[in-house]
Amino acid sequence: MRKRRPGRIGHELDGKNRSHLRALQCKHKVRWDDLGSPTQPGTYRYGSHMVEVTPGDIKLANGNPDTLFTAIHPDFFSDGTPYLLTGVELPDRK
């Protein structure tokens, strides 16, 4: 039997349980241009949702309106909490 270490809650989760945890959030694909190609950090509207833009997001987008982010809103966030940008996809340069 495995011993549990203090402070390691959930370390025994198997892959199936982890995938269930990932499903407990809303996700949207958001083009940088859909946020207005922001140049300053802040909260921006995306449809009926608000999205938090950080200085790091601005740097990753590098002014390219076609940069694609995944915006997430975990279920444990309150309804008024803005989505967070993660998972950037940079467009191919030709």
PDB file of N, CA and C in Angstrom:
ATOM      1  N   MET A   1       0.838  -1.188   0.000  1.00  0.00           N
ATOM      2  CA  MET A   1       0.000   0.000   0.000  1.00  0.00           C
ATOM      3  C   MET A   1       0.879   1.245   0.000  1.00  0.00           C
ATOM      4  N   ARG A   2       0.529   2.234  -0.868  1.00  0.00           N
ATOM      5  CA  ARG A   2       1.299   3.479  -0.940  1.00  0.00           C
ATOM      6  C   ARG A   2       0.993   4.355   0.245  1.00  0.00           C
ATOM      7  N   LYS A   3       2.025   4.974   0.777  1.00  0.00           N
ATOM      8  CA  LYS A   3       1.822   5.949   1.844  1.00  0.00           C
ATOM      9  C   LYS A   3       1.503   7.296   1.228  1.00  0.00           C
ATOM     10  N   ARG A   4       0.629   8.017   1.875  1.00  0.00           N
ATOM     11  CA  ARG A   4       0.312   9.377   1.423  1.00  0.00           C
ATOM     12  C   ARG A   4       1.220  10.343   2.146  1.00  0.00           C
ATOM     13  N   ARG A   5       1.774  11.252   1.388  1.00  0.00           N
ATOM     14  CA  ARG A   5       2.594  12.293   1.991  1.00  0.00           C
ATOM     15  C   ARG A   5       1.721  13.485   2.326  1.00  0.00           C
ATOM     16  N   PRO A   6       1.948  14.108   3.466  1.00  0.00           N
ATOM     17  CA  PRO A   6       1.153  15.295   3.812  1.00  0.00           C
ATOM     18  C   PRO A   6       1.306  16.383   2.752  1.00  0.00           C
ATOM     19  N   GLY A   7       0.192  17.073   2.454  1.00  0.00           N
ATOM     20  CA  GLY A   7       0.242  18.191   1.514  1.00  0.00           C
ATOM     21  C   GLY A   7       0.201  17.783   0.055  1.00  0.00           C
ATOM     22  N   ARG A   8       0.051  16.508  -0.229  1.00  0.00           N
ATOM     23  CA  ARG A   8       0.037  16.038  -1.610  1.00  0.00           C
ATOM     24  C   ARG A   8      -1.352  15.545  -1.980  1.00  0.00           C
ATOM     25  N   ILE A   9      -2.341  16.352  -1.773  1.00  0.00           N
ATOM     26  CA  ILE A   9      -3.726  15.971  -2.053  1.00  0.00           C
ATOM     27  C   ILE A   9      -3.877  15.639  -3.521  1.00  0.00           C
ATOM     28  N   GLY A  10      -4.484  14.495  -3.789  1.00  0.00           N
ATOM     29  CA  GLY A  10      -4.786  14.124  -5.160  1.00  0.00           C
ATOM     30  C   GLY A  10      -3.637  13.542  -5.943  1.00  0.00           C
ATOM     31  N   HIS A  11      -2.481  13.284  -5.311  1.00  0.00           N
ATOM     32  CA  HIS A  11      -1.368  12.748  -6.081  1.00  0.00           C
ATOM     33  C   HIS A  11      -1.627  11.339  -6.570  1.00  0.00           C
ATOM     34  N   GLU A  12      -2.624  10.683  -6.015  1.00  0.00           N
ATOM     35  CA  GLU A  12      -2.937   9.321  -6.418  1.00  0.00           C
ATOM     36  C   GLU A  12      -3.957   9.264  -7.559  1.00  0.00           C
ATOM     37  N   LEU A  13      -4.359  10.400  -8.128  1.00  0.00           N
ATOM     38  CA  LEU A  13      -5.338  10.411  -9.220  1.00  0.00           C
ATOM     39  C   LEU A  13      -4.771   9.705 -10.434  1.00  0.00           C
ATOM     40  N   ASP A  14      -5.587   8.879 -11.061  1.00  0.00           N
ATOM     41  CA  ASP A  14      -5.154   8.248 -12.306  1.00  0.00           C
ATOM     42  C   ASP A  14      -5.524   9.152 -13.487  1.00  0.00           C
ATOM     43  N   GLY A  15      -5.106   8.782 -14.683  1.00  0.00           N
ATOM     44  CA  GLY A  15      -5.342   9.607 -15.869  1.00  0.00           C
ATOM     45  C   GLY A  15      -6.812   9.860 -16.136  1.00  0.00           C
ATOM     46  N   LYS A  16      -7.665   8.869 -15.878  1.00  0.00           N
ATOM     47  CA  LYS A  16      -9.097   9.047 -16.131  1.00  0.00           C
ATOM     48  C   LYS A  16      -9.659  10.153 -15.247  1.00  0.00           C
ATOM     49  N   ASN A  17      -9.296  10.160 -13.979  1.00  0.00           N
ATOM     50  CA  ASN A  17      -9.791  11.197 -13.072  1.00  0.00           C
ATOM     51  C   ASN A  17      -9.243  12.568 -13.445  1.00  0.00           C
ATOM     52  N   ARG A  18      -8.021  12.631 -13.886  1.00  0.00           N
ATOM     53  CA  ARG A  18      -7.445  13.921 -14.283  1.00  0.00           C
ATOM     54  C   ARG A  18      -8.169  14.491 -15.487  1.00  0.00           C
ATOM     55  N   SER A  19      -8.517  13.638 -16.448  1.00  0.00           N
ATOM     56  CA  SER A  19      -9.227  14.151 -17.624  1.00  0.00           C
ATOM     57  C   SER A  19     -10.602  14.662 -17.219  1.00  0.00           C
ATOM     58  N   HIS A  20     -11.216  14.056 -16.218  1.00  0.00           N
ATOM     59  CA  HIS A  20     -12.490  14.547 -15.714  1.00  0.00           C
ATOM     60  C   HIS A  20     -12.315  15.946 -15.113  1.00  0.00           C
ATOM     61  N   LEU A  21     -11.210  16.171 -14.414  1.00  0.00           N
ATOM     62  CA  LEU A  21     -10.964  17.492 -13.832  1.00  0.00           C
ATOM     63  C   LEU A  21     -10.778  18.541 -14.917  1.00  0.00           C
ATOM     64  N   ARG A  22     -10.111  18.181 -16.020  1.00  0.00           N
ATOM     65  CA  ARG A  22      -9.898  19.137 -17.114  1.00  0.00           C
ATOM     66  C   ARG A  22     -11.219  19.539 -17.763  1.00  0.00           C
ATOM     67  N   ALA A  23     -12.220  18.672 -17.686  1.00  0.00           N
ATOM     68  CA  ALA A  23     -13.505  18.966 -18.307  1.00  0.00           C
ATOM     69  C   ALA A  23     -14.322  19.974 -17.493  1.00  0.00           C
ATOM     70  N   LEU A  24     -13.885  20.294 -16.288  1.00  0.00           N
ATOM     71  CA  LEU A  24     -14.635  21.193 -15.418  1.00  0.00           C
ATOM     72  C   LEU A  24     -14.269  22.645 -15.662  1.00  0.00           C
ATOM     73  N   GLN A  25     -14.235  23.038 -16.911  1.00  0.00           N
ATOM     74  CA  GLN A  25     -13.968  24.423 -17.259  1.00  0.00           C
ATOM     75  C   GLN A  25     -14.542  24.719 -18.637  1.00  0.00           C
ATOM     76  N   CYS A  26     -14.836  25.979 -18.855  1.00  0.00           N
ATOM     77  CA  CYS A  26     -15.281  26.425 -20.177  1.00  0.00           C
ATOM     78  C   CYS A  26     -14.057  26.872 -20.957  1.00  0.00           C
ATOM     79  N   LYS A  27     -14.029  26.575 -22.244  1.00  0.00           N
ATOM     80  CA  LYS A  27     -12.908  26.972 -23.108  1.00  0.00           C
ATOM     81  C   LYS A  27     -13.451  27.615 -24.373  1.00  0.00           C
ATOM     82  N   HIS A  28     -12.717  28.600 -24.857  1.00  0.00           N
ATOM     83  CA  HIS A  28     -13.027  29.240 -26.135  1.00  0.00           C
ATOM     84  C   HIS A  28     -11.718  29.498 -26.855  1.00  0.00           C
ATOM     85  N   LYS A  29     -11.722  29.359 -28.170  1.00  0.00           N
ATOM     86  CA  LYS A  29     -10.586  29.782 -28.996  1.00  0.00           C
ATOM     87  C   LYS A  29     -10.806  31.255 -29.332  1.00  0.00           C
ATOM     88  N   VAL A  30      -9.798  32.077 -29.044  1.00  0.00           N
ATOM     89  CA  VAL A  30      -9.930  33.528 -29.215  1.00  0.00           C
ATOM     90  C   VAL A  30      -8.778  34.048 -30.065  1.00  0.00           C
ATOM     91  N   ARG A  31      -9.110  34.679 -31.194  1.00  0.00           N
ATOM     92  CA  ARG A  31      -8.088  35.358 -32.001  1.00  0.00           C
ATOM     93  C   ARG A  31      -7.743  36.676 -31.331  1.00  0.00           C
ATOM     94  N   TRP A  32      -6.508  37.066 -31.418  1.00  0.00           N
ATOM     95  CA  TRP A  32      -6.046  38.319 -30.823  1.00  0.00           C
ATOM     96  C   TRP A  32      -6.859  39.491 -31.352  1.00  0.00           C
ATOM     97  N   ASP A  33      -7.182  39.451 -32.640  1.00  0.00           N
ATOM     98  CA  ASP A  33      -7.974  40.501 -33.265  1.00  0.00           C
ATOM     99  C   ASP A  33      -9.385  40.583 -32.668  1.00  0.00           C
ATOM    100  N   ASP A  34      -9.930  39.437 -32.221  1.00  0.00           N
ATOM    101  CA  ASP A  34     -11.266  39.428 -31.608  1.00  0.00           C
ATOM    102  C   ASP A  34     -11.300  40.217 -30.298  1.00  0.00           C
ATOM    103  N   LEU A  35     -10.133  40.407 -29.691  1.00  0.00           N
ATOM    104  CA  LEU A  35     -10.029  41.213 -28.465  1.00  0.00           C
ATOM    105  C   LEU A  35      -9.676  42.662 -28.787  1.00  0.00           C
ATOM    106  N   GLY A  36      -9.507  42.975 -30.064  1.00  0.00           N
ATOM    107  CA  GLY A  36      -9.144  44.329 -30.467  1.00  0.00           C
ATOM    108  C   GLY A  36      -7.645  44.541 -30.539  1.00  0.00           C
ATOM    109  N   SER A  37      -6.875  43.440 -30.586  1.00  0.00           N
ATOM    110  CA  SER A  37      -5.399  43.507 -30.610  1.00  0.00           C
ATOM    111  C   SER A  37      -4.871  44.451 -29.527  1.00  0.00           C
ATOM    112  N   PRO A  38      -5.160  44.168 -28.258  1.00  0.00           N
ATOM    113  CA  PRO A  38      -4.781  45.092 -27.190  1.00  0.00           C
ATOM    114  C   PRO A  38      -3.270  45.302 -27.075  1.00  0.00           C
ATOM    115  N   THR A  39      -2.909  46.503 -26.703  1.00  0.00           N
ATOM    116  CA  THR A  39      -1.502  46.842 -26.465  1.00  0.00           C
ATOM    117  C   THR A  39      -1.240  47.139 -24.990  1.00  0.00           C
ATOM    118  N   GLN A  40      -2.304  47.130 -24.194  1.00  0.00           N
ATOM    119  CA  GLN A  40      -2.200  47.368 -22.751  1.00  0.00           C
ATOM    120  C   GLN A  40      -2.885  46.228 -22.000  1.00  0.00           C
ATOM    121  N   PRO A  41      -2.337  45.808 -20.839  1.00  0.00           N
ATOM    122  CA  PRO A  41      -3.007  44.794 -20.038  1.00  0.00           C
ATOM    123  C   PRO A  41      -4.359  45.311 -19.547  1.00  0.00           C
ATOM    124  N   GLY A  42      -5.292  44.408 -19.345  1.00  0.00           N
ATOM    125  CA  GLY A  42      -6.603  44.795 -18.849  1.00  0.00           C
ATOM    126  C   GLY A  42      -7.632  43.726 -19.140  1.00  0.00           C
ATOM    127  N   THR A  43      -8.884  44.074 -18.975  1.00  0.00           N
ATOM    128  CA  THR A  43      -9.991  43.165 -19.215  1.00  0.00           C
ATOM    129  C   THR A  43     -10.716  43.604 -20.480  1.00  0.00           C
ATOM    130  N   TYR A  44     -10.877  42.679 -21.407  1.00  0.00           N
ATOM    131  CA  TYR A  44     -11.455  42.986 -22.712  1.00  0.00           C
ATOM    132  C   TYR A  44     -12.656  42.084 -22.984  1.00  0.00           C
ATOM    133  N   ARG A  45     -13.618  42.617 -23.717  1.00  0.00           N
ATOM    134  CA  ARG A  45     -14.834  41.871 -24.041  1.00  0.00           C
ATOM    135  C   ARG A  45     -14.576  40.931 -25.213  1.00  0.00           C
ATOM    136  N   TYR A  46     -15.100  39.711 -25.074  1.00  0.00           N
ATOM    137  CA  TYR A  46     -15.111  38.727 -26.149  1.00  0.00           C
ATOM    138  C   TYR A  46     -16.522  38.151 -26.188  1.00  0.00           C
ATOM    139  N   GLY A  47     -17.351  38.637 -27.091  1.00  0.00           N
ATOM    140  CA  GLY A  47     -18.761  38.246 -27.113  1.00  0.00           C
ATOM    141  C   GLY A  47     -19.432  38.670 -25.819  1.00  0.00           C
ATOM    142  N   SER A  48     -20.037  37.721 -25.136  1.00  0.00           N
ATOM    143  CA  SER A  48     -20.686  38.028 -23.859  1.00  0.00           C
ATOM    144  C   SER A  48     -19.757  37.803 -22.675  1.00  0.00           C
ATOM    145  N   HIS A  49     -18.491  37.481 -22.941  1.00  0.00           N
ATOM    146  CA  HIS A  49     -17.530  37.170 -21.884  1.00  0.00           C
ATOM    147  C   HIS A  49     -16.478  38.271 -21.755  1.00  0.00           C
ATOM    148  N   MET A  50     -15.842  38.305 -20.601  1.00  0.00           N
ATOM    149  CA  MET A  50     -14.703  39.191 -20.383  1.00  0.00           C
ATOM    150  C   MET A  50     -13.442  38.332 -20.307  1.00  0.00           C
ATOM    151  N   VAL A  51     -12.340  38.833 -20.866  1.00  0.00           N
ATOM    152  CA  VAL A  51     -11.074  38.107 -20.916  1.00  0.00           C
ATOM    153  C   VAL A  51      -9.988  38.984 -20.312  1.00  0.00           C
ATOM    154  N   GLU A  52      -9.204  38.413 -19.410  1.00  0.00           N
ATOM    155  CA  GLU A  52      -8.078  39.129 -18.786  1.00  0.00           C
ATOM    156  C   GLU A  52      -6.854  38.997 -19.692  1.00  0.00           C
ATOM    157  N   VAL A  53      -6.282  40.141 -20.087  1.00  0.00           N
ATOM    158  CA  VAL A  53      -5.080  40.175 -20.922  1.00  0.00           C
ATOM    159  C   VAL A  53      -3.922  40.661 -20.061  1.00  0.00           C
ATOM    160  N   THR A  54      -2.848  39.880 -20.040  1.00  0.00           N
ATOM    161  CA  THR A  54      -1.659  40.208 -19.236  1.00  0.00           C
ATOM    162  C   THR A  54      -0.542  40.729 -20.142  1.00  0.00           C
ATOM    163  N   PRO A  55       0.492  41.338 -19.556  1.00  0.00           N
ATOM    164  CA  PRO A  55       1.644  41.759 -20.370  1.00  0.00           C
ATOM    165  C   PRO A  55       2.272  40.579 -21.124  1.00  0.00           C
ATOM    166  N   GLY A  56       2.271  39.388 -20.512  1.00  0.00           N
ATOM    167  CA  GLY A  56       2.813  38.211 -21.190  1.00  0.00           C
ATOM    168  C   GLY A  56       2.011  37.820 -22.415  1.00  0.00           C
ATOM    169  N   ASP A  57       0.685  37.961 -22.343  1.00  0.00           N
ATOM    170  CA  ASP A  57      -0.174  37.678 -23.502  1.00  0.00           C
ATOM    171  C   ASP A  57       0.150  38.634 -24.646  1.00  0.00           C
ATOM    172  N   ILE A  58       0.325  39.887 -24.312  1.00  0.00           N
ATOM    173  CA  ILE A  58       0.642  40.916 -25.320  1.00  0.00           C
ATOM    174  C   ILE A  58       1.968  40.591 -25.991  1.00  0.00           C
ATOM    175  N   LYS A  59       2.939  40.179 -25.191  1.00  0.00           N
ATOM    176  CA  LYS A  59       4.257  39.829 -25.733  1.00  0.00           C
ATOM    177  C   LYS A  59       4.160  38.614 -26.651  1.00  0.00           C
ATOM    178  N   LEU A  60       3.392  37.584 -26.233  1.00  0.00           N
ATOM    179  CA  LEU A  60       3.238  36.387 -27.061  1.00  0.00           C
ATOM    180  C   LEU A  60       2.546  36.695 -28.385  1.00  0.00           C
ATOM    181  N   ALA A  61       1.518  37.529 -28.348  1.00  0.00           N
ATOM    182  CA  ALA A  61       0.789  37.875 -29.577  1.00  0.00           C
ATOM    183  C   ALA A  61       1.658  38.684 -30.524  1.00  0.00           C
ATOM    184  N   ASN A  62       2.552  39.474 -29.983  1.00  0.00           N
ATOM    185  CA  ASN A  62       3.505  40.245 -30.791  1.00  0.00           C
ATOM    186  C   ASN A  62       2.811  41.061 -31.881  1.00  0.00           C
ATOM    187  N   GLY A  63       1.613  41.566 -31.575  1.00  0.00           N
ATOM    188  CA  GLY A  63       0.907  42.425 -32.516  1.00  0.00           C
ATOM    189  C   GLY A  63       0.247  41.694 -33.674  1.00  0.00           C
ATOM    190  N   ASN A  64       0.343  40.362 -33.710  1.00  0.00           N
ATOM    191  CA  ASN A  64      -0.233  39.605 -34.820  1.00  0.00           C
ATOM    192  C   ASN A  64      -1.711  39.324 -34.547  1.00  0.00           C
ATOM    193  N   PRO A  65      -2.605  39.883 -35.339  1.00  0.00           N
ATOM    194  CA  PRO A  65      -4.045  39.724 -35.096  1.00  0.00           C
ATOM    195  C   PRO A  65      -4.531  38.285 -35.247  1.00  0.00           C
ATOM    196  N   ASP A  66      -3.755  37.415 -35.911  1.00  0.00           N
ATOM    197  CA  ASP A  66      -4.162  36.034 -36.132  1.00  0.00           C
ATOM    198  C   ASP A  66      -3.671  35.069 -35.050  1.00  0.00           C
ATOM    199  N   THR A  67      -2.955  35.582 -34.049  1.00  0.00           N
ATOM    200  CA  THR A  67      -2.536  34.726 -32.946  1.00  0.00           C
ATOM    201  C   THR A  67      -3.777  34.180 -32.259  1.00  0.00           C
ATOM    202  N   LEU A  68      -3.771  32.884 -31.970  1.00  0.00           N
ATOM    203  CA  LEU A  68      -4.926  32.215 -31.400  1.00  0.00           C
ATOM    204  C   LEU A  68      -4.608  31.746 -29.979  1.00  0.00           C
ATOM    205  N   PHE A  69      -5.436  32.150 -29.033  1.00  0.00           N
ATOM    206  CA  PHE A  69      -5.290  31.737 -27.638  1.00  0.00           C
ATOM    207  C   PHE A  69      -6.461  30.845 -27.265  1.00  0.00           C
ATOM    208  N   THR A  70      -6.275  30.026 -26.253  1.00  0.00           N
ATOM    209  CA  THR A  70      -7.379  29.317 -25.618  1.00  0.00           C
ATOM    210  C   THR A  70      -7.713  30.094 -24.356  1.00  0.00           C
ATOM    211  N   ALA A  71      -8.944  30.553 -24.249  1.00  0.00           N
ATOM    212  CA  ALA A  71      -9.414  31.253 -23.052  1.00  0.00           C
ATOM    213  C   ALA A  71     -10.142  30.242 -22.173  1.00  0.00           C
ATOM    214  N   ILE A  72      -9.767  30.180 -20.899  1.00  0.00           N
ATOM    215  CA  ILE A  72     -10.387  29.213 -19.990  1.00  0.00           C
ATOM    216  C   ILE A  72     -11.090  29.914 -18.834  1.00  0.00           C
ATOM    217  N   HIS A  73     -12.111  29.260 -18.340  1.00  0.00           N
ATOM    218  CA  HIS A  73     -12.858  29.736 -17.169  1.00  0.00           C
ATOM    219  C   HIS A  73     -13.227  28.503 -16.344  1.00  0.00           C
ATOM    220  N   PRO A  74     -12.341  28.090 -15.388  1.00  0.00           N
ATOM    221  CA  PRO A  74     -12.642  26.916 -14.567  1.00  0.00           C
ATOM    222  C   PRO A  74     -13.958  27.086 -13.810  1.00  0.00           C
ATOM    223  N   ASP A  75     -14.640  25.977 -13.579  1.00  0.00           N
ATOM    224  CA  ASP A  75     -15.935  26.010 -12.899  1.00  0.00           C
ATOM    225  C   ASP A  75     -15.857  26.597 -11.493  1.00  0.00           C
ATOM    226  N   PHE A  76     -14.682  26.529 -10.860  1.00  0.00           N
ATOM    227  CA  PHE A  76     -14.581  27.070  -9.506  1.00  0.00           C
ATOM    228  C   PHE A  76     -14.410  28.588  -9.496  1.00  0.00           C
ATOM    229  N   PHE A  77     -14.255  29.213 -10.668  1.00  0.00           N
ATOM    230  CA  PHE A  77     -14.240  30.677 -10.754  1.00  0.00           C
ATOM    231  C   PHE A  77     -15.666  31.186 -10.586  1.00  0.00           C
ATOM    232  N   SER A  78     -15.817  32.348  -9.975  1.00  0.00           N
ATOM    233  CA  SER A  78     -17.141  32.955  -9.899  1.00  0.00           C
ATOM    234  C   SER A  78     -17.543  33.422 -11.301  1.00  0.00           C
ATOM    235  N   ASP A  79     -18.835  33.598 -11.525  1.00  0.00           N
ATOM    236  CA  ASP A  79     -19.326  34.005 -12.845  1.00  0.00           C
ATOM    237  C   ASP A  79     -18.728  35.338 -13.304  1.00  0.00           C
ATOM    238  N   GLY A  80     -18.435  36.225 -12.376  1.00  0.00           N
ATOM    239  CA  GLY A  80     -17.905  37.540 -12.727  1.00  0.00           C
ATOM    240  C   GLY A  80     -16.414  37.566 -12.999  1.00  0.00           C
ATOM    241  N   THR A  81     -15.719  36.450 -12.777  1.00  0.00           N
ATOM    242  CA  THR A  81     -14.271  36.400 -13.002  1.00  0.00           C
ATOM    243  C   THR A  81     -13.999  36.271 -14.495  1.00  0.00           C
ATOM    244  N   PRO A  82     -13.087  37.097 -15.042  1.00  0.00           N
ATOM    245  CA  PRO A  82     -12.808  37.012 -16.480  1.00  0.00           C
ATOM    246  C   PRO A  82     -12.099  35.710 -16.855  1.00  0.00           C
ATOM    247  N   TYR A  83     -12.224  35.338 -18.111  1.00  0.00           N
ATOM    248  CA  TYR A  83     -11.486  34.205 -18.657  1.00  0.00           C
ATOM    249  C   TYR A  83      -9.990  34.524 -18.637  1.00  0.00           C
ATOM    250  N   LEU A  84      -9.162  33.486 -18.591  1.00  0.00           N
ATOM    251  CA  LEU A  84      -7.708  33.621 -18.648  1.00  0.00           C
ATOM    252  C   LEU A  84      -7.216  33.071 -19.982  1.00  0.00           C
ATOM    253  N   LEU A  85      -6.224  33.724 -20.567  1.00  0.00           N
ATOM    254  CA  LEU A  85      -5.665  33.256 -21.834  1.00  0.00           C
ATOM    255  C   LEU A  85      -4.549  32.248 -21.571  1.00  0.00           C
ATOM    256  N   THR A  86      -4.613  31.133 -22.280  1.00  0.00           N
ATOM    257  CA  THR A  86      -3.597  30.079 -22.186  1.00  0.00           C
ATOM    258  C   THR A  86      -3.374  29.533 -23.585  1.00  0.00           C
ATOM    259  N   GLY A  87      -2.515  28.585 -23.718  1.00  0.00           N
ATOM    260  CA  GLY A  87      -2.357  27.823 -24.952  1.00  0.00           C
ATOM    261  C   GLY A  87      -2.326  28.628 -26.216  1.00  0.00           C
ATOM    262  N   VAL A  88      -1.244  29.345 -26.451  1.00  0.00           N
ATOM    263  CA  VAL A  88      -1.141  30.184 -27.648  1.00  0.00           C
ATOM    264  C   VAL A  88      -0.761  29.354 -28.870  1.00  0.00           C
ATOM    265  N   GLU A  89      -1.369  29.679 -30.015  1.00  0.00           N
ATOM    266  CA  GLU A  89      -1.034  29.092 -31.314  1.00  0.00           C
ATOM    267  C   GLU A  89      -0.637  30.233 -32.234  1.00  0.00           C
ATOM    268  N   LEU A  90       0.608  30.223 -32.647  1.00  0.00           N
ATOM    269  CA  LEU A  90       1.097  31.288 -33.525  1.00  0.00           C
ATOM    270  C   LEU A  90       0.858  30.909 -34.974  1.00  0.00           C
ATOM    271  N   PRO A  91       0.378  31.848 -35.789  1.00  0.00           N
ATOM    272  CA  PRO A  91       0.135  31.560 -37.206  1.00  0.00           C
ATOM    273  C   PRO A  91       1.453  31.330 -37.943  1.00  0.00           C
ATOM    274  N   ASP A  92       1.373  30.519 -38.998  1.00  0.00           N
ATOM    275  CA  ASP A  92       2.556  30.283 -39.830  1.00  0.00           C
ATOM    276  C   ASP A  92       2.910  31.552 -40.580  1.00  0.00           C
ATOM    277  N   ARG A  93       4.191  31.837 -40.623  1.00  0.00           N
ATOM    278  CA  ARG A  93       4.647  32.996 -41.410  1.00  0.00           C
ATOM    279  C   ARG A  93       5.105  32.513 -42.761  1.00  0.00           C
ATOM    280  N   LYS A  94       4.616  33.143 -43.802  1.00  0.00           N
ATOM    281  CA  LYS A  94       4.953  32.702 -45.164  1.00  0.00           C
ATOM    282  C   LYS A  94       5.866  33.672 -45.826  1.00  0.00           C
TER     283      LYS A  94
END
